[in-house]
């Protein structure tokens, strides 16, 4: 009560119309959308580019993708609007994700993302396949996952991730794990992989020695890629020489995003090495003993595998195939 105004108290009431904004300012998926042919002169878009007034999108994703999560959906009026997310399960290469945005005023706008997986590349006979859906990873003494010459039981585990189970390398040190036969010569390795935390650097290996210290490797890296502006993220081709990694001097720019799934494919056929990321050919080179720094000798046979550096990483749908028409 105010004694200066005959005991009257005055209140000011501010009125505002409830926001009807049910749009999104960003929409991110758990994979890199396919933006067309690979362009080494520019970094591909890592997320969907939203267009005002457009609420339905068709997005191509890497082959063998069976589950796509919406990892971020931010309403433009993020302080008052809400977003309800439905992830996508892909059946026979297609599926739909959606985001239902409810404005402060109660009106609703739904964003729909139709997902289409690229066709899988043809391959020869299956040498090895593992998708970890049984909840365990191969620990067979002769062909299972080894760190050095022994089956690993201290760094790998199977965990749930989105639509299924995956292999996680959950410790931080740089480690390479091998699987399969040391007699393999010409083949290809495929796997889906992602960094769980930065700066994890996951990759796949081929022609690995019995002790896992010599091999070829293809991986995603978070370093500067040489493009104008100092952007980061590239695919690298490497050769481990007695445990020391020697990377090919050419870097192929590609977005590095923690939490995104990538599909890598490494083909070794005679002296020819081919590397793919998300179905795009980024390396096609010949190793005659002079390709990598220090000119280490070319590798002719060995096991397949994975390598993880710095932080936790996850792998899925690991496969080794003979080359097509072998």
C-alpha atoms as a PDB file:
ATOM      1  CA  UNK A   1       0.000   0.000   0.000  1.00  0.00           C
ATOM      2  CA  UNK A   2       1.260   3.481  -0.736  1.00  0.00           C
ATOM      3  CA  UNK A   3       0.789   6.168   1.929  1.00  0.00           C
ATOM      4  CA  UNK A   4       1.523   8.876  -0.670  1.00  0.00           C
ATOM      5  CA  UNK A   5      -1.481   8.163  -2.832  1.00  0.00           C
ATOM      6  CA  UNK A   6      -4.412   7.647  -0.500  1.00  0.00           C
ATOM      7  CA  UNK A   7      -3.493   4.037   0.083  1.00  0.00           C
ATOM      8  CA  UNK A   8      -3.886   3.011  -3.580  1.00  0.00           C
ATOM      9  CA  UNK A   9      -1.448   0.617  -5.238  1.00  0.00           C
ATOM     10  CA  UNK A  10      -1.044   0.765  -9.008  1.00  0.00           C
ATOM     11  CA  UNK A  11       0.069  -2.202 -11.134  1.00  0.00           C
ATOM     12  CA  UNK A  12       1.332  -2.191 -14.707  1.00  0.00           C
ATOM     13  CA  UNK A  13       0.340  -5.250 -16.709  1.00  0.00           C
ATOM     14  CA  UNK A  14       2.249  -5.868 -19.946  1.00  0.00           C
ATOM     15  CA  UNK A  15       0.309  -7.841 -22.540  1.00  0.00           C
ATOM     16  CA  UNK A  16       1.944  -9.707 -25.406  1.00  0.00           C
ATOM     17  CA  UNK A  17       0.523 -11.905 -28.101  1.00  0.00           C
ATOM     18  CA  UNK A  18       1.677 -15.514 -27.877  1.00  0.00           C
ATOM     19  CA  UNK A  19       4.227 -16.354 -30.568  1.00  0.00           C
ATOM     20  CA  UNK A  20       2.914 -18.277 -33.540  1.00  0.00           C
ATOM     21  CA  UNK A  21       6.427 -19.074 -34.807  1.00  0.00           C
ATOM     22  CA  UNK A  22       6.622 -22.848 -35.332  1.00  0.00           C
ATOM     23  CA  UNK A  23       9.693 -22.878 -37.574  1.00  0.00           C
ATOM     24  CA  UNK A  24      13.104 -24.433 -37.075  1.00  0.00           C
ATOM     25  CA  UNK A  25      16.415 -22.579 -37.239  1.00  0.00           C
ATOM     26  CA  UNK A  26      18.514 -25.773 -37.540  1.00  0.00           C
ATOM     27  CA  UNK A  27      17.971 -29.454 -38.252  1.00  0.00           C
ATOM     28  CA  UNK A  28      20.810 -31.951 -37.875  1.00  0.00           C
ATOM     29  CA  UNK A  29      20.991 -35.666 -38.602  1.00  0.00           C
ATOM     30  CA  UNK A  30      23.289 -38.431 -37.389  1.00  0.00           C
ATOM     31  CA  UNK A  31      24.823 -38.767 -40.882  1.00  0.00           C
ATOM     32  CA  UNK A  32      26.274 -36.401 -43.484  1.00  0.00           C
ATOM     33  CA  UNK A  33      23.638 -35.725 -46.173  1.00  0.00           C
ATOM     34  CA  UNK A  34      24.785 -36.715 -49.654  1.00  0.00           C
ATOM     35  CA  UNK A  35      25.306 -33.465 -51.545  1.00  0.00           C
ATOM     36  CA  UNK A  36      26.349 -35.010 -54.872  1.00  0.00           C
ATOM     37  CA  UNK A  37      29.739 -35.746 -56.445  1.00  0.00           C
ATOM     38  CA  UNK A  38      32.779 -35.273 -54.243  1.00  0.00           C
ATOM     39  CA  UNK A  39      34.374 -31.831 -54.584  1.00  0.00           C
ATOM     40  CA  UNK A  40      37.881 -31.593 -53.075  1.00  0.00           C
ATOM     41  CA  UNK A  41      37.783 -27.808 -53.413  1.00  0.00           C
ATOM     42  CA  UNK A  42      34.953 -27.269 -50.938  1.00  0.00           C
ATOM     43  CA  UNK A  43      33.752 -28.722 -47.673  1.00  0.00           C
ATOM     44  CA  UNK A  44      30.401 -30.465 -48.089  1.00  0.00           C
ATOM     45  CA  UNK A  45      27.448 -29.341 -45.985  1.00  0.00           C
ATOM     46  CA  UNK A  46      27.313 -31.446 -42.829  1.00  0.00           C
ATOM     47  CA  UNK A  47      23.637 -30.701 -42.123  1.00  0.00           C
ATOM     48  CA  UNK A  48      20.352 -29.988 -43.898  1.00  0.00           C
ATOM     49  CA  UNK A  49      20.126 -26.425 -45.221  1.00  0.00           C
ATOM     50  CA  UNK A  50      16.645 -25.266 -44.244  1.00  0.00           C
ATOM     51  CA  UNK A  51      14.718 -23.079 -46.717  1.00  0.00           C
ATOM     52  CA  UNK A  52      12.086 -20.677 -45.343  1.00  0.00           C
ATOM     53  CA  UNK A  53       8.585 -21.923 -46.120  1.00  0.00           C
ATOM     54  CA  UNK A  54       9.766 -25.434 -47.050  1.00  0.00           C
ATOM     55  CA  UNK A  55       8.812 -28.158 -44.578  1.00  0.00           C
ATOM     56  CA  UNK A  56       9.417 -31.346 -46.554  1.00  0.00           C
ATOM     57  CA  UNK A  57      12.863 -32.525 -47.659  1.00  0.00           C
ATOM     58  CA  UNK A  58      14.280 -35.542 -49.468  1.00  0.00           C
ATOM     59  CA  UNK A  59      17.804 -36.399 -48.356  1.00  0.00           C
ATOM     60  CA  UNK A  60      20.149 -39.057 -49.703  1.00  0.00           C
ATOM     61  CA  UNK A  61      22.308 -40.842 -47.124  1.00  0.00           C
ATOM     62  CA  UNK A  62      25.198 -43.332 -47.359  1.00  0.00           C
ATOM     63  CA  UNK A  63      24.517 -46.898 -48.427  1.00  0.00           C
ATOM     64  CA  UNK A  64      23.917 -49.523 -45.708  1.00  0.00           C
ATOM     65  CA  UNK A  65      22.338 -46.872 -43.462  1.00  0.00           C
ATOM     66  CA  UNK A  66      19.435 -48.423 -41.560  1.00  0.00           C
ATOM     67  CA  UNK A  67      18.762 -45.834 -38.842  1.00  0.00           C
ATOM     68  CA  UNK A  68      19.016 -42.046 -38.883  1.00  0.00           C
ATOM     69  CA  UNK A  69      18.543 -39.979 -35.742  1.00  0.00           C
ATOM     70  CA  UNK A  70      17.600 -36.312 -35.611  1.00  0.00           C
ATOM     71  CA  UNK A  71      20.403 -35.104 -33.351  1.00  0.00           C
ATOM     72  CA  UNK A  72      19.314 -31.474 -33.185  1.00  0.00           C
ATOM     73  CA  UNK A  73      16.107 -29.589 -33.981  1.00  0.00           C
ATOM     74  CA  UNK A  74      16.164 -26.001 -32.708  1.00  0.00           C
ATOM     75  CA  UNK A  75      12.954 -23.931 -32.951  1.00  0.00           C
ATOM     76  CA  UNK A  76      13.475 -20.360 -34.158  1.00  0.00           C
ATOM     77  CA  UNK A  77      11.546 -19.189 -31.087  1.00  0.00           C
ATOM     78  CA  UNK A  78      13.506 -21.595 -28.936  1.00  0.00           C
ATOM     79  CA  UNK A  79      12.496 -19.919 -25.658  1.00  0.00           C
ATOM     80  CA  UNK A  80       8.786 -20.633 -26.164  1.00  0.00           C
ATOM     81  CA  UNK A  81       8.354 -23.280 -28.908  1.00  0.00           C
ATOM     82  CA  UNK A  82       8.915 -27.015 -28.441  1.00  0.00           C
ATOM     83  CA  UNK A  83      10.066 -29.751 -30.834  1.00  0.00           C
ATOM     84  CA  UNK A  84       9.006 -33.394 -30.830  1.00  0.00           C
ATOM     85  CA  UNK A  85      11.410 -35.662 -32.761  1.00  0.00           C
ATOM     86  CA  UNK A  86      10.745 -38.961 -34.524  1.00  0.00           C
ATOM     87  CA  UNK A  87      13.867 -40.721 -35.812  1.00  0.00           C
ATOM     88  CA  UNK A  88      13.927 -42.768 -39.012  1.00  0.00           C
ATOM     89  CA  UNK A  89      14.239 -46.523 -39.456  1.00  0.00           C
ATOM     90  CA  UNK A  90      15.199 -47.279 -43.065  1.00  0.00           C
ATOM     91  CA  UNK A  91      13.613 -50.349 -44.629  1.00  0.00           C
ATOM     92  CA  UNK A  92      14.864 -51.437 -48.055  1.00  0.00           C
ATOM     93  CA  UNK A  93      16.805 -48.196 -48.294  1.00  0.00           C
ATOM     94  CA  UNK A  94      14.163 -45.659 -47.349  1.00  0.00           C
ATOM     95  CA  UNK A  95      12.571 -44.145 -44.268  1.00  0.00           C
ATOM     96  CA  UNK A  96      11.141 -40.942 -42.835  1.00  0.00           C
ATOM     97  CA  UNK A  97      12.124 -38.735 -39.905  1.00  0.00           C
ATOM     98  CA  UNK A  98       9.995 -35.889 -38.632  1.00  0.00           C
ATOM     99  CA  UNK A  99      10.023 -32.940 -36.242  1.00  0.00           C
ATOM    100  CA  UNK A 100       6.749 -31.555 -34.869  1.00  0.00           C
ATOM    101  CA  UNK A 101       7.167 -27.952 -33.750  1.00  0.00           C
ATOM    102  CA  UNK A 102       4.535 -26.489 -31.442  1.00  0.00           C
ATOM    103  CA  UNK A 103       4.489 -22.700 -31.146  1.00  0.00           C
ATOM    104  CA  UNK A 104       3.703 -20.811 -27.937  1.00  0.00           C
ATOM    105  CA  UNK A 105       0.268 -20.026 -29.387  1.00  0.00           C
ATOM    106  CA  UNK A 106      -0.414 -23.709 -29.919  1.00  0.00           C
ATOM    107  CA  UNK A 107      -0.210 -23.907 -33.710  1.00  0.00           C
ATOM    108  CA  UNK A 108       1.849 -26.769 -35.099  1.00  0.00           C
ATOM    109  CA  UNK A 109       4.255 -27.159 -38.026  1.00  0.00           C
ATOM    110  CA  UNK A 110       5.737 -30.545 -38.962  1.00  0.00           C
ATOM    111  CA  UNK A 111       9.038 -30.914 -40.799  1.00  0.00           C
ATOM    112  CA  UNK A 112       9.312 -34.172 -42.741  1.00  0.00           C
ATOM    113  CA  UNK A 113      12.614 -35.638 -43.983  1.00  0.00           C
ATOM    114  CA  UNK A 114      12.385 -38.474 -46.502  1.00  0.00           C
ATOM    115  CA  UNK A 115      15.623 -40.472 -46.388  1.00  0.00           C
ATOM    116  CA  UNK A 116      16.950 -42.529 -49.273  1.00  0.00           C
ATOM    117  CA  UNK A 117      20.079 -44.663 -48.903  1.00  0.00           C
ATOM    118  CA  UNK A 118      22.492 -44.831 -51.828  1.00  0.00           C
ATOM    119  CA  UNK A 119      22.785 -48.226 -53.565  1.00  0.00           C
ATOM    120  CA  UNK A 120      25.401 -50.458 -51.979  1.00  0.00           C
ATOM    121  CA  UNK A 121      28.560 -50.991 -54.044  1.00  0.00           C
ATOM    122  CA  UNK A 122      28.900 -54.438 -55.597  1.00  0.00           C
ATOM    123  CA  UNK A 123      31.473 -56.787 -54.073  1.00  0.00           C
ATOM    124  CA  UNK A 124      32.835 -60.293 -54.315  1.00  0.00           C
ATOM    125  CA  UNK A 125      32.668 -63.173 -51.862  1.00  0.00           C
ATOM    126  CA  UNK A 126      32.254 -62.441 -48.162  1.00  0.00           C
ATOM    127  CA  UNK A 127      35.425 -62.995 -46.163  1.00  0.00           C
ATOM    128  CA  UNK A 128      34.132 -61.603 -42.870  1.00  0.00           C
ATOM    129  CA  UNK A 129      31.034 -59.802 -41.584  1.00  0.00           C
ATOM    130  CA  UNK A 130      29.993 -58.649 -38.120  1.00  0.00           C
ATOM    131  CA  UNK A 131      27.146 -56.332 -37.113  1.00  0.00           C
ATOM    132  CA  UNK A 132      27.310 -56.905 -33.303  1.00  0.00           C
ATOM    133  CA  UNK A 133      23.539 -57.310 -33.004  1.00  0.00           C
ATOM    134  CA  UNK A 134      24.039 -60.460 -30.922  1.00  0.00           C
ATOM    135  CA  UNK A 135      25.477 -58.274 -28.167  1.00  0.00           C
ATOM    136  CA  UNK A 136      29.040 -59.605 -28.316  1.00  0.00           C
ATOM    137  CA  UNK A 137      32.102 -59.207 -30.510  1.00  0.00           C
ATOM    138  CA  UNK A 138      34.213 -61.989 -31.984  1.00  0.00           C
ATOM    139  CA  UNK A 139      36.709 -63.275 -29.420  1.00  0.00           C
ATOM    140  CA  UNK A 140      37.651 -66.465 -31.249  1.00  0.00           C
ATOM    141  CA  UNK A 141      41.368 -67.100 -30.547  1.00  0.00           C
ATOM    142  CA  UNK A 142      42.166 -67.647 -34.219  1.00  0.00           C
ATOM    143  CA  UNK A 143      40.080 -65.014 -36.014  1.00  0.00           C
ATOM    144  CA  UNK A 144      38.679 -62.646 -33.365  1.00  0.00           C
ATOM    145  CA  UNK A 145      39.478 -59.041 -32.490  1.00  0.00           C
ATOM    146  CA  UNK A 146      43.076 -58.746 -31.335  1.00  0.00           C
ATOM    147  CA  UNK A 147      45.190 -55.976 -29.877  1.00  0.00           C
ATOM    148  CA  UNK A 148      48.659 -57.004 -30.928  1.00  0.00           C
ATOM    149  CA  UNK A 149      48.696 -60.795 -30.859  1.00  0.00           C
ATOM    150  CA  UNK A 150      46.110 -61.343 -28.100  1.00  0.00           C
ATOM    151  CA  UNK A 151      42.311 -61.197 -28.053  1.00  0.00           C
ATOM    152  CA  UNK A 152      41.263 -57.850 -26.562  1.00  0.00           C
ATOM    153  CA  UNK A 153      38.942 -57.848 -23.556  1.00  0.00           C
ATOM    154  CA  UNK A 154      39.895 -54.500 -21.977  1.00  0.00           C
ATOM    155  CA  UNK A 155      39.181 -51.839 -24.607  1.00  0.00           C
ATOM    156  CA  UNK A 156      36.234 -53.043 -26.670  1.00  0.00           C
ATOM    157  CA  UNK A 157      32.591 -53.598 -25.784  1.00  0.00           C
ATOM    158  CA  UNK A 158      29.200 -53.791 -27.480  1.00  0.00           C
ATOM    159  CA  UNK A 159      26.759 -50.995 -26.601  1.00  0.00           C
ATOM    160  CA  UNK A 160      23.350 -49.758 -27.696  1.00  0.00           C
ATOM    161  CA  UNK A 161      23.291 -46.877 -30.172  1.00  0.00           C
ATOM    162  CA  UNK A 162      20.116 -45.582 -31.785  1.00  0.00           C
ATOM    163  CA  UNK A 163      18.567 -48.401 -33.735  1.00  0.00           C
ATOM    164  CA  UNK A 164      20.877 -51.231 -32.703  1.00  0.00           C
ATOM    165  CA  UNK A 165      24.079 -52.499 -31.158  1.00  0.00           C
ATOM    166  CA  UNK A 166      27.565 -51.324 -32.114  1.00  0.00           C
ATOM    167  CA  UNK A 167      31.179 -51.985 -31.181  1.00  0.00           C
ATOM    168  CA  UNK A 168      32.717 -49.294 -28.975  1.00  0.00           C
ATOM    169  CA  UNK A 169      36.390 -48.726 -28.343  1.00  0.00           C
ATOM    170  CA  UNK A 170      35.864 -46.922 -25.050  1.00  0.00           C
ATOM    171  CA  UNK A 171      39.416 -46.233 -23.870  1.00  0.00           C
ATOM    172  CA  UNK A 172      41.479 -43.235 -25.015  1.00  0.00           C
ATOM    173  CA  UNK A 173      44.949 -44.470 -26.103  1.00  0.00           C
ATOM    174  CA  UNK A 174      45.733 -44.869 -29.817  1.00  0.00           C
ATOM    175  CA  UNK A 175      45.098 -48.514 -30.664  1.00  0.00           C
ATOM    176  CA  UNK A 176      44.725 -50.730 -33.723  1.00  0.00           C
ATOM    177  CA  UNK A 177      42.687 -53.933 -33.604  1.00  0.00           C
ATOM    178  CA  UNK A 178      42.857 -56.701 -36.187  1.00  0.00           C
ATOM    179  CA  UNK A 179      40.489 -59.472 -37.204  1.00  0.00           C
ATOM    180  CA  UNK A 180      40.409 -62.281 -39.734  1.00  0.00           C
ATOM    181  CA  UNK A 181      43.231 -63.963 -41.630  1.00  0.00           C
ATOM    182  CA  UNK A 182      46.801 -62.864 -42.200  1.00  0.00           C
ATOM    183  CA  UNK A 183      46.722 -64.667 -45.553  1.00  0.00           C
ATOM    184  CA  UNK A 184      44.227 -62.247 -47.091  1.00  0.00           C
ATOM    185  CA  UNK A 185      45.737 -60.350 -50.037  1.00  0.00           C
ATOM    186  CA  UNK A 186      43.309 -58.504 -52.298  1.00  0.00           C
ATOM    187  CA  UNK A 187      40.107 -57.392 -50.605  1.00  0.00           C
ATOM    188  CA  UNK A 188      38.111 -54.458 -49.323  1.00  0.00           C
ATOM    189  CA  UNK A 189      37.135 -53.361 -45.817  1.00  0.00           C
ATOM    190  CA  UNK A 190      33.890 -51.524 -45.088  1.00  0.00           C
ATOM    191  CA  UNK A 191      32.603 -50.133 -41.812  1.00  0.00           C
ATOM    192  CA  UNK A 192      30.399 -47.432 -40.408  1.00  0.00           C
ATOM    193  CA  UNK A 193      32.079 -45.412 -37.660  1.00  0.00           C
ATOM    194  CA  UNK A 194      31.834 -42.264 -35.586  1.00  0.00           C
ATOM    195  CA  UNK A 195      33.712 -40.212 -33.008  1.00  0.00           C
ATOM    196  CA  UNK A 196      31.986 -40.237 -29.634  1.00  0.00           C
ATOM    197  CA  UNK A 197      34.088 -37.346 -28.320  1.00  0.00           C
ATOM    198  CA  UNK A 198      36.570 -34.911 -29.850  1.00  0.00           C
ATOM    199  CA  UNK A 199      39.235 -35.369 -31.048  1.00  0.00           C
ATOM    200  CA  UNK A 200      38.623 -39.085 -31.684  1.00  0.00           C
ATOM    201  CA  UNK A 201      40.039 -40.206 -35.047  1.00  0.00           C
ATOM    202  CA  UNK A 202      38.424 -43.478 -36.157  1.00  0.00           C
ATOM    203  CA  UNK A 203      39.565 -45.489 -39.167  1.00  0.00           C
ATOM    204  CA  UNK A 204      39.704 -48.880 -40.867  1.00  0.00           C
ATOM    205  CA  UNK A 205      42.792 -50.965 -41.657  1.00  0.00           C
ATOM    206  CA  UNK A 206      43.905 -53.455 -44.317  1.00  0.00           C
ATOM    207  CA  UNK A 207      46.843 -55.830 -44.807  1.00  0.00           C
ATOM    208  CA  UNK A 208      47.771 -55.689 -41.131  1.00  0.00           C
ATOM    209  CA  UNK A 209      50.682 -57.701 -39.795  1.00  0.00           C
ATOM    210  CA  UNK A 210      50.177 -60.403 -37.163  1.00  0.00           C
ATOM    211  CA  UNK A 211      51.273 -58.024 -34.395  1.00  0.00           C
ATOM    212  CA  UNK A 212      49.025 -55.203 -35.675  1.00  0.00           C
ATOM    213  CA  UNK A 213      51.896 -52.733 -36.053  1.00  0.00           C
ATOM    214  CA  UNK A 214      52.011 -52.529 -39.860  1.00  0.00           C
ATOM    215  CA  UNK A 215      48.971 -51.815 -42.022  1.00  0.00           C
ATOM    216  CA  UNK A 216      47.220 -49.465 -44.426  1.00  0.00           C
ATOM    217  CA  UNK A 217      44.599 -47.170 -42.920  1.00  0.00           C
ATOM    218  CA  UNK A 218      41.772 -44.885 -44.048  1.00  0.00           C
ATOM    219  CA  UNK A 219      40.337 -42.502 -41.439  1.00  0.00           C
ATOM    220  CA  UNK A 220      38.409 -39.317 -40.710  1.00  0.00           C
ATOM    221  CA  UNK A 221      40.539 -36.538 -39.155  1.00  0.00           C
ATOM    222  CA  UNK A 222      39.644 -33.277 -37.392  1.00  0.00           C
ATOM    223  CA  UNK A 223      42.673 -31.285 -38.568  1.00  0.00           C
ATOM    224  CA  UNK A 224      42.867 -28.380 -41.000  1.00  0.00           C
ATOM    225  CA  UNK A 225      42.201 -29.507 -44.543  1.00  0.00           C
ATOM    226  CA  UNK A 226      44.049 -26.861 -46.546  1.00  0.00           C
ATOM    227  CA  UNK A 227      40.954 -25.060 -47.804  1.00  0.00           C
ATOM    228  CA  UNK A 228      40.769 -21.281 -47.665  1.00  0.00           C
ATOM    229  CA  UNK A 229      39.609 -20.005 -44.303  1.00  0.00           C
ATOM    230  CA  UNK A 230      41.262 -22.745 -42.277  1.00  0.00           C
ATOM    231  CA  UNK A 231      38.299 -25.110 -42.144  1.00  0.00           C
ATOM    232  CA  UNK A 232      38.756 -28.489 -40.493  1.00  0.00           C
ATOM    233  CA  UNK A 233      37.968 -32.059 -41.378  1.00  0.00           C
ATOM    234  CA  UNK A 234      39.503 -34.409 -43.939  1.00  0.00           C
ATOM    235  CA  UNK A 235      39.941 -38.038 -44.960  1.00  0.00           C
ATOM    236  CA  UNK A 236      43.478 -39.373 -44.801  1.00  0.00           C
ATOM    237  CA  UNK A 237      45.247 -42.441 -46.150  1.00  0.00           C
ATOM    238  CA  UNK A 238      48.034 -43.798 -43.987  1.00  0.00           C
ATOM    239  CA  UNK A 239      50.593 -46.543 -43.528  1.00  0.00           C
ATOM    240  CA  UNK A 240      51.597 -47.755 -40.077  1.00  0.00           C
ATOM    241  CA  UNK A 241      55.275 -48.684 -39.976  1.00  0.00           C
ATOM    242  CA  UNK A 242      56.154 -50.695 -36.882  1.00  0.00           C
ATOM    243  CA  UNK A 243      53.543 -48.736 -34.932  1.00  0.00           C
ATOM    244  CA  UNK A 244      54.430 -45.279 -36.308  1.00  0.00           C
ATOM    245  CA  UNK A 245      51.795 -43.742 -38.585  1.00  0.00           C
ATOM    246  CA  UNK A 246      52.940 -42.249 -41.895  1.00  0.00           C
ATOM    247  CA  UNK A 247      50.178 -40.314 -43.660  1.00  0.00           C
ATOM    248  CA  UNK A 248      49.966 -39.700 -47.376  1.00  0.00           C
ATOM    249  CA  UNK A 249      50.614 -35.998 -47.938  1.00  0.00           C
ATOM    250  CA  UNK A 250      47.322 -35.370 -49.782  1.00  0.00           C
ATOM    251  CA  UNK A 251      44.336 -34.505 -47.564  1.00  0.00           C
ATOM    252  CA  UNK A 252      40.825 -34.872 -48.923  1.00  0.00           C
ATOM    253  CA  UNK A 253      38.491 -32.300 -47.266  1.00  0.00           C
ATOM    254  CA  UNK A 254      35.392 -33.717 -45.588  1.00  0.00           C
ATOM    255  CA  UNK A 255      33.344 -32.473 -42.616  1.00  0.00           C
ATOM    256  CA  UNK A 256      34.443 -33.870 -39.239  1.00  0.00           C
ATOM    257  CA  UNK A 257      31.552 -33.810 -36.783  1.00  0.00           C
ATOM    258  CA  UNK A 258      31.479 -35.620 -33.445  1.00  0.00           C
ATOM    259  CA  UNK A 259      28.461 -37.918 -33.289  1.00  0.00           C
ATOM    260  CA  UNK A 260      28.034 -38.260 -37.060  1.00  0.00           C
ATOM    261  CA  UNK A 261      28.185 -41.724 -38.626  1.00  0.00           C
ATOM    262  CA  UNK A 262      30.561 -42.109 -41.583  1.00  0.00           C
ATOM    263  CA  UNK A 263      30.948 -45.036 -43.931  1.00  0.00           C
ATOM    264  CA  UNK A 264      34.527 -45.800 -44.917  1.00  0.00           C
ATOM    265  CA  UNK A 265      35.635 -48.291 -47.549  1.00  0.00           C
ATOM    266  CA  UNK A 266      39.264 -49.243 -48.196  1.00  0.00           C
ATOM    267  CA  UNK A 267      40.145 -51.391 -51.227  1.00  0.00           C
ATOM    268  CA  UNK A 268      43.555 -53.044 -51.579  1.00  0.00           C
ATOM    269  CA  UNK A 269      44.091 -54.802 -54.903  1.00  0.00           C
ATOM    270  CA  UNK A 270      47.665 -55.493 -55.929  1.00  0.00           C
ATOM    271  CA  UNK A 271      49.532 -52.204 -55.526  1.00  0.00           C
ATOM    272  CA  UNK A 272      46.356 -50.155 -55.986  1.00  0.00           C
ATOM    273  CA  UNK A 273      44.741 -48.494 -52.943  1.00  0.00           C
ATOM    274  CA  UNK A 274      41.273 -46.936 -53.145  1.00  0.00           C
ATOM    275  CA  UNK A 275      39.554 -45.081 -50.342  1.00  0.00           C
ATOM    276  CA  UNK A 276      35.890 -44.068 -50.130  1.00  0.00           C
ATOM    277  CA  UNK A 277      33.911 -41.977 -47.660  1.00  0.00           C
ATOM    278  CA  UNK A 278      30.103 -42.146 -47.713  1.00  0.00           C
ATOM    279  CA  UNK A 279      30.189 -43.856 -51.143  1.00  0.00           C
ATOM    280  CA  UNK A 280      32.480 -41.193 -52.640  1.00  0.00           C
ATOM    281  CA  UNK A 281      35.882 -42.120 -54.075  1.00  0.00           C
ATOM    282  CA  UNK A 282      38.515 -39.853 -52.513  1.00  0.00           C
ATOM    283  CA  UNK A 283      41.753 -41.838 -53.058  1.00  0.00           C
ATOM    284  CA  UNK A 284      42.901 -43.948 -56.009  1.00  0.00           C
ATOM    285  CA  UNK A 285      46.655 -44.351 -55.762  1.00  0.00           C
ATOM    286  CA  UNK A 286      49.445 -46.895 -56.288  1.00  0.00           C
ATOM    287  CA  UNK A 287      51.884 -47.929 -53.583  1.00  0.00           C
ATOM    288  CA  UNK A 288      55.152 -49.247 -55.005  1.00  0.00           C
ATOM    289  CA  UNK A 289      57.122 -48.375 -51.893  1.00  0.00           C
ATOM    290  CA  UNK A 290      57.351 -44.607 -52.410  1.00  0.00           C
ATOM    291  CA  UNK A 291      53.828 -43.394 -51.595  1.00  0.00           C
ATOM    292  CA  UNK A 292      54.226 -42.609 -47.909  1.00  0.00           C
ATOM    293  CA  UNK A 293      56.815 -40.489 -46.039  1.00  0.00           C
ATOM    294  CA  UNK A 294      60.018 -42.436 -45.421  1.00  0.00           C
ATOM    295  CA  UNK A 295      59.157 -44.722 -48.365  1.00  0.00           C
ATOM    296  CA  UNK A 296      58.166 -47.823 -46.374  1.00  0.00           C
ATOM    297  CA  UNK A 297      57.789 -50.992 -48.475  1.00  0.00           C
ATOM    298  CA  UNK A 298      54.365 -51.794 -49.869  1.00  0.00           C
ATOM    299  CA  UNK A 299      52.231 -54.337 -48.042  1.00  0.00           C
ATOM    300  CA  UNK A 300      50.952 -57.382 -49.915  1.00  0.00           C
ATOM    301  CA  UNK A 301      48.821 -59.288 -47.405  1.00  0.00           C
ATOM    302  CA  UNK A 302      47.436 -59.247 -43.882  1.00  0.00           C
ATOM    303  CA  UNK A 303      44.409 -58.969 -41.657  1.00  0.00           C
ATOM    304  CA  UNK A 304      41.682 -56.313 -41.641  1.00  0.00           C
ATOM    305  CA  UNK A 305      40.798 -54.119 -38.696  1.00  0.00           C
ATOM    306  CA  UNK A 306      40.048 -50.785 -37.100  1.00  0.00           C
ATOM    307  CA  UNK A 307      42.072 -48.049 -35.453  1.00  0.00           C
ATOM    308  CA  UNK A 308      40.991 -45.423 -32.945  1.00  0.00           C
ATOM    309  CA  UNK A 309      42.984 -42.472 -31.624  1.00  0.00           C
ATOM    310  CA  UNK A 310      42.571 -40.116 -28.659  1.00  0.00           C
ATOM    311  CA  UNK A 311      38.959 -40.659 -27.581  1.00  0.00           C
ATOM    312  CA  UNK A 312      36.117 -43.176 -27.652  1.00  0.00           C
ATOM    313  CA  UNK A 313      34.796 -44.276 -31.041  1.00  0.00           C
ATOM    314  CA  UNK A 314      32.042 -46.573 -32.301  1.00  0.00           C
ATOM    315  CA  UNK A 315      31.965 -49.007 -35.221  1.00  0.00           C
ATOM    316  CA  UNK A 316      29.205 -50.965 -36.925  1.00  0.00           C
ATOM    317  CA  UNK A 317      28.516 -53.168 -39.941  1.00  0.00           C
ATOM    318  CA  UNK A 318      32.147 -54.235 -40.296  1.00  0.00           C
ATOM    319  CA  UNK A 319      32.738 -56.322 -43.418  1.00  0.00           C
ATOM    320  CA  UNK A 320      35.573 -57.718 -45.521  1.00  0.00           C
ATOM    321  CA  UNK A 321      34.897 -58.745 -49.126  1.00  0.00           C
ATOM    322  CA  UNK A 322      36.843 -60.070 -52.036  1.00  0.00           C
ATOM    323  CA  UNK A 323      36.952 -57.536 -54.888  1.00  0.00           C
ATOM    324  CA  UNK A 324      34.118 -57.632 -57.367  1.00  0.00           C
ATOM    325  CA  UNK A 325      34.729 -60.138 -60.205  1.00  0.00           C
ATOM    326  CA  UNK A 326      37.732 -61.545 -58.355  1.00  0.00           C
END
